Amino acid sequence: MIHRIKKAGDIHAGKWNGLGGKMEPGESPEECAAREIKEESGLDALSLKLKGFLTFPKFLAGEDWYCFVFVIDRFKGELLSDSSEGQLAWIDDNKLNELDLWEGDYIFLPWLEGEKFFSAKFVYLGGKLAGQEAYFY
């Protein structure tokens, strides 16, 4: 996880997030996830398992955000001691609810343990969760 405490004006300021970012032209979701993990943590993802898809309508400045959610259980390399995005830390799954997360994260993180693929929409208004819906396949 990364504690977003370094960038001025960061919409995620003060919150903990999983690693990730925006896709570059021509990238697949898997290529984007592997690249972002390498850039933000220094680690090479050796296995990526797509677990779900999240939609955040009008999340930032009227933009819709779409997130592919992966679980990575094998990697190599050394965790960076310093990241430009924030403070990196290994967090036990049973401690995630103790972190300052986006409200929707508390809802979808337990789904990562399940066998079903999920698709969900989280609607935020003024930084607060205003609605959500989910589907499991």
C-alpha atoms as a PDB file:
ATOM      1  CA  MET A   1       0.000   0.000   0.000  1.00  0.00           C
ATOM      2  CA  ILE A   2       1.049   3.580  -0.438  1.00  0.00           C
ATOM      3  CA  HIS A   3       0.259   6.439   1.941  1.00  0.00           C
ATOM      4  CA  ARG A   4      -0.327   9.442  -0.310  1.00  0.00           C
ATOM      5  CA  ILE A   5       1.466  12.186   1.602  1.00  0.00           C
ATOM      6  CA  LYS A   6       3.976  13.646  -0.872  1.00  0.00           C
ATOM      7  CA  LYS A   7       2.221  15.410  -3.768  1.00  0.00           C
ATOM      8  CA  ALA A   8       0.721  18.868  -3.342  1.00  0.00           C
ATOM      9  CA  GLY A   9      -2.896  19.014  -4.499  1.00  0.00           C
ATOM     10  CA  ASP A  10      -3.236  15.207  -4.588  1.00  0.00           C
ATOM     11  CA  ILE A  11      -6.912  14.163  -4.558  1.00  0.00           C
ATOM     12  CA  HIS A  12      -5.777  11.151  -2.505  1.00  0.00           C
ATOM     13  CA  ALA A  13      -3.785  13.255   0.014  1.00  0.00           C
ATOM     14  CA  GLY A  14      -3.588  11.521   3.386  1.00  0.00           C
ATOM     15  CA  LYS A  15      -5.276   8.337   2.164  1.00  0.00           C
ATOM     16  CA  TRP A  16      -3.815   4.878   1.657  1.00  0.00           C
ATOM     17  CA  ASN A  17      -4.172   3.352  -1.806  1.00  0.00           C
ATOM     18  CA  GLY A  18      -3.113   0.271  -3.665  1.00  0.00           C
ATOM     19  CA  LEU A  19      -0.532   0.885  -6.358  1.00  0.00           C
ATOM     20  CA  GLY A  20      -1.663   1.873  -9.823  1.00  0.00           C
ATOM     21  CA  GLY A  21      -2.230   4.679 -12.249  1.00  0.00           C
ATOM     22  CA  LYS A  22      -3.371   5.741 -15.665  1.00  0.00           C
ATOM     23  CA  MET A  23      -2.907   3.614 -18.750  1.00  0.00           C
ATOM     24  CA  GLU A  24      -0.564   4.843 -21.437  1.00  0.00           C
ATOM     25  CA  PRO A  25      -1.553   4.664 -25.123  1.00  0.00           C
ATOM     26  CA  GLY A  26      -1.301   1.117 -26.448  1.00  0.00           C
ATOM     27  CA  GLU A  27      -1.057  -0.525 -23.013  1.00  0.00           C
ATOM     28  CA  SER A  28      -3.168  -3.426 -21.855  1.00  0.00           C
ATOM     29  CA  PRO A  29      -4.492  -3.300 -18.276  1.00  0.00           C
ATOM     30  CA  GLU A  30      -1.899  -5.940 -17.341  1.00  0.00           C
ATOM     31  CA  GLU A  31       0.971  -3.956 -18.872  1.00  0.00           C
ATOM     32  CA  CYS A  32      -0.214  -0.817 -17.090  1.00  0.00           C
ATOM     33  CA  ALA A  33      -0.442  -2.581 -13.722  1.00  0.00           C
ATOM     34  CA  ALA A  34       3.030  -4.115 -14.068  1.00  0.00           C
ATOM     35  CA  ARG A  35       4.546  -0.776 -15.162  1.00  0.00           C
ATOM     36  CA  GLU A  36       2.882   1.219 -12.383  1.00  0.00           C
ATOM     37  CA  ILE A  37       3.933  -1.299  -9.734  1.00  0.00           C
ATOM     38  CA  LYS A  38       7.523  -1.152 -10.984  1.00  0.00           C
ATOM     39  CA  GLU A  39       7.526   2.665 -11.092  1.00  0.00           C
ATOM     40  CA  GLU A  40       5.898   3.150  -7.697  1.00  0.00           C
ATOM     41  CA  SER A  41       7.474   0.299  -5.718  1.00  0.00           C
ATOM     42  CA  GLY A  42      10.526  -0.981  -7.595  1.00  0.00           C
ATOM     43  CA  LEU A  43       9.021  -4.485  -7.674  1.00  0.00           C
ATOM     44  CA  ASP A  44       8.497  -6.645 -10.764  1.00  0.00           C
ATOM     45  CA  ALA A  45       5.081  -8.348 -10.779  1.00  0.00           C
ATOM     46  CA  LEU A  46       5.466 -12.004 -11.773  1.00  0.00           C
ATOM     47  CA  SER A  47       1.772 -12.872 -11.631  1.00  0.00           C
ATOM     48  CA  LEU A  48      -1.257 -10.657 -12.125  1.00  0.00           C
ATOM     49  CA  LYS A  49      -4.760 -11.960 -11.472  1.00  0.00           C
ATOM     50  CA  LEU A  50      -7.593  -9.708 -12.618  1.00  0.00           C
ATOM     51  CA  LYS A  51     -10.194  -9.718  -9.842  1.00  0.00           C
ATOM     52  CA  GLY A  52     -12.515  -6.884 -10.743  1.00  0.00           C
ATOM     53  CA  PHE A  53     -13.415  -3.670 -12.489  1.00  0.00           C
ATOM     54  CA  LEU A  54     -14.403  -0.441 -10.721  1.00  0.00           C
ATOM     55  CA  THR A  55     -16.164   2.625 -12.117  1.00  0.00           C
ATOM     56  CA  PHE A  56     -16.073   6.034 -10.442  1.00  0.00           C
ATOM     57  CA  PRO A  57     -18.444   8.388 -12.310  1.00  0.00           C
ATOM     58  CA  LYS A  58     -17.422  12.063 -12.326  1.00  0.00           C
ATOM     59  CA  PHE A  59     -14.776  11.311  -9.694  1.00  0.00           C
ATOM     60  CA  LEU A  60     -12.400  14.164 -10.423  1.00  0.00           C
ATOM     61  CA  ALA A  61     -13.360  17.363 -12.251  1.00  0.00           C
ATOM     62  CA  GLY A  62     -16.249  15.582 -13.956  1.00  0.00           C
ATOM     63  CA  GLU A  63     -14.020  12.752 -15.253  1.00  0.00           C
ATOM     64  CA  ASP A  64     -15.131   9.153 -15.037  1.00  0.00           C
ATOM     65  CA  TRP A  65     -12.416   6.860 -13.659  1.00  0.00           C
ATOM     66  CA  TYR A  66     -12.201   3.171 -14.575  1.00  0.00           C
ATOM     67  CA  CYS A  67      -9.996   0.834 -12.566  1.00  0.00           C
ATOM     68  CA  PHE A  68      -8.888  -2.716 -13.270  1.00  0.00           C
ATOM     69  CA  VAL A  69      -8.211  -4.416  -9.933  1.00  0.00           C
ATOM     70  CA  PHE A  70      -5.469  -7.038  -9.772  1.00  0.00           C
ATOM     71  CA  VAL A  71      -4.041  -9.270  -7.083  1.00  0.00           C
ATOM     72  CA  ILE A  72      -0.345 -10.025  -7.319  1.00  0.00           C
ATOM     73  CA  ASP A  73       0.955 -12.972  -5.335  1.00  0.00           C
ATOM     74  CA  ARG A  74       4.431 -13.308  -6.847  1.00  0.00           C
ATOM     75  CA  PHE A  75       7.003 -10.609  -7.424  1.00  0.00           C
ATOM     76  CA  LYS A  76      10.738 -10.035  -7.391  1.00  0.00           C
ATOM     77  CA  GLY A  77      12.994  -7.150  -6.466  1.00  0.00           C
ATOM     78  CA  GLU A  78      13.465  -4.851  -3.548  1.00  0.00           C
ATOM     79  CA  LEU A  79      10.856  -2.403  -2.296  1.00  0.00           C
ATOM     80  CA  LEU A  80      11.929   1.195  -2.892  1.00  0.00           C
ATOM     81  CA  SER A  81      12.954   3.037   0.255  1.00  0.00           C
ATOM     82  CA  ASP A  82      11.484   6.242  -1.191  1.00  0.00           C
ATOM     83  CA  SER A  83       8.622   6.752  -3.653  1.00  0.00           C
ATOM     84  CA  SER A  84       7.600  10.032  -5.275  1.00  0.00           C
ATOM     85  CA  GLU A  85       3.942   9.038  -4.772  1.00  0.00           C
ATOM     86  CA  GLY A  86       4.078   8.569  -0.989  1.00  0.00           C
ATOM     87  CA  GLN A  87       5.207   6.254   1.783  1.00  0.00           C
ATOM     88  CA  LEU A  88       5.236   2.533   0.872  1.00  0.00           C
ATOM     89  CA  ALA A  89       4.336  -0.080   3.474  1.00  0.00           C
ATOM     90  CA  TRP A  90       3.385  -3.743   3.625  1.00  0.00           C
ATOM     91  CA  ILE A  91       0.020  -3.923   5.394  1.00  0.00           C
ATOM     92  CA  ASP A  92      -1.486  -7.185   6.647  1.00  0.00           C
ATOM     93  CA  ASP A  93      -4.905  -7.826   5.104  1.00  0.00           C
ATOM     94  CA  ASN A  94      -6.501  -7.896   8.566  1.00  0.00           C
ATOM     95  CA  LYS A  95      -5.167  -4.361   9.254  1.00  0.00           C
ATOM     96  CA  LEU A  96      -6.485  -2.653   6.096  1.00  0.00           C
ATOM     97  CA  ASN A  97      -9.677  -1.458   7.808  1.00  0.00           C
ATOM     98  CA  GLU A  98      -7.517   0.491  10.285  1.00  0.00           C
ATOM     99  CA  LEU A  99      -6.146   2.720   7.495  1.00  0.00           C
ATOM    100  CA  ASP A 100      -7.574   5.975   6.133  1.00  0.00           C
ATOM    101  CA  LEU A 101      -9.029   4.639   2.860  1.00  0.00           C
ATOM    102  CA  TRP A 102     -11.660   5.880   0.461  1.00  0.00           C
ATOM    103  CA  GLU A 103     -15.057   4.692   1.763  1.00  0.00           C
ATOM    104  CA  GLY A 104     -15.602   2.385  -1.217  1.00  0.00           C
ATOM    105  CA  ASP A 105     -12.281   0.638  -0.573  1.00  0.00           C
ATOM    106  CA  TYR A 106     -13.633  -0.769   2.699  1.00  0.00           C
ATOM    107  CA  ILE A 107     -16.421  -2.329   0.628  1.00  0.00           C
ATOM    108  CA  PHE A 108     -14.470  -3.856  -2.281  1.00  0.00           C
ATOM    109  CA  LEU A 109     -11.220  -4.941  -0.590  1.00  0.00           C
ATOM    110  CA  PRO A 110     -12.843  -8.027   1.004  1.00  0.00           C
ATOM    111  CA  TRP A 111     -14.054  -9.074  -2.467  1.00  0.00           C
ATOM    112  CA  LEU A 112     -10.414  -9.692  -3.433  1.00  0.00           C
ATOM    113  CA  GLU A 113     -10.488 -12.807  -1.246  1.00  0.00           C
ATOM    114  CA  GLY A 114     -13.457 -14.243  -3.146  1.00  0.00           C
ATOM    115  CA  GLU A 115     -13.410 -16.429  -6.225  1.00  0.00           C
ATOM    116  CA  LYS A 116     -15.909 -14.383  -8.233  1.00  0.00           C
ATOM    117  CA  PHE A 117     -14.991 -11.561 -10.588  1.00  0.00           C
ATOM    118  CA  PHE A 118     -16.636  -8.281  -9.568  1.00  0.00           C
ATOM    119  CA  SER A 119     -17.757  -5.134 -11.319  1.00  0.00           C
ATOM    120  CA  ALA A 120     -18.816  -2.187  -9.200  1.00  0.00           C
ATOM    121  CA  LYS A 121     -19.706   1.469  -9.411  1.00  0.00           C
ATOM    122  CA  PHE A 122     -18.887   3.864  -6.578  1.00  0.00           C
ATOM    123  CA  VAL A 123     -20.411   7.344  -6.730  1.00  0.00           C
ATOM    124  CA  TYR A 124     -18.727  10.089  -4.716  1.00  0.00           C
ATOM    125  CA  LEU A 125     -20.119  13.555  -4.109  1.00  0.00           C
ATOM    126  CA  GLY A 126     -17.920  16.080  -2.362  1.00  0.00           C
ATOM    127  CA  GLY A 127     -15.419  13.366  -1.478  1.00  0.00           C
ATOM    128  CA  LYS A 128     -18.050  11.224   0.270  1.00  0.00           C
ATOM    129  CA  LEU A 129     -19.533   7.953  -0.940  1.00  0.00           C
ATOM    130  CA  ALA A 130     -23.058   8.704  -2.161  1.00  0.00           C
ATOM    131  CA  GLY A 131     -23.971   5.356  -3.736  1.00  0.00           C
ATOM    132  CA  GLN A 132     -22.671   2.053  -4.966  1.00  0.00           C
ATOM    133  CA  GLU A 133     -23.731  -1.054  -6.816  1.00  0.00           C
ATOM    134  CA  ALA A 134     -21.919  -4.292  -7.502  1.00  0.00           C
ATOM    135  CA  TYR A 135     -22.180  -7.404  -9.640  1.00  0.00           C
ATOM    136  CA  PHE A 136     -20.386 -10.736  -9.208  1.00  0.00           C
ATOM    137  CA  TYR A 137     -19.668 -13.261 -11.946  1.00  0.00           C
END
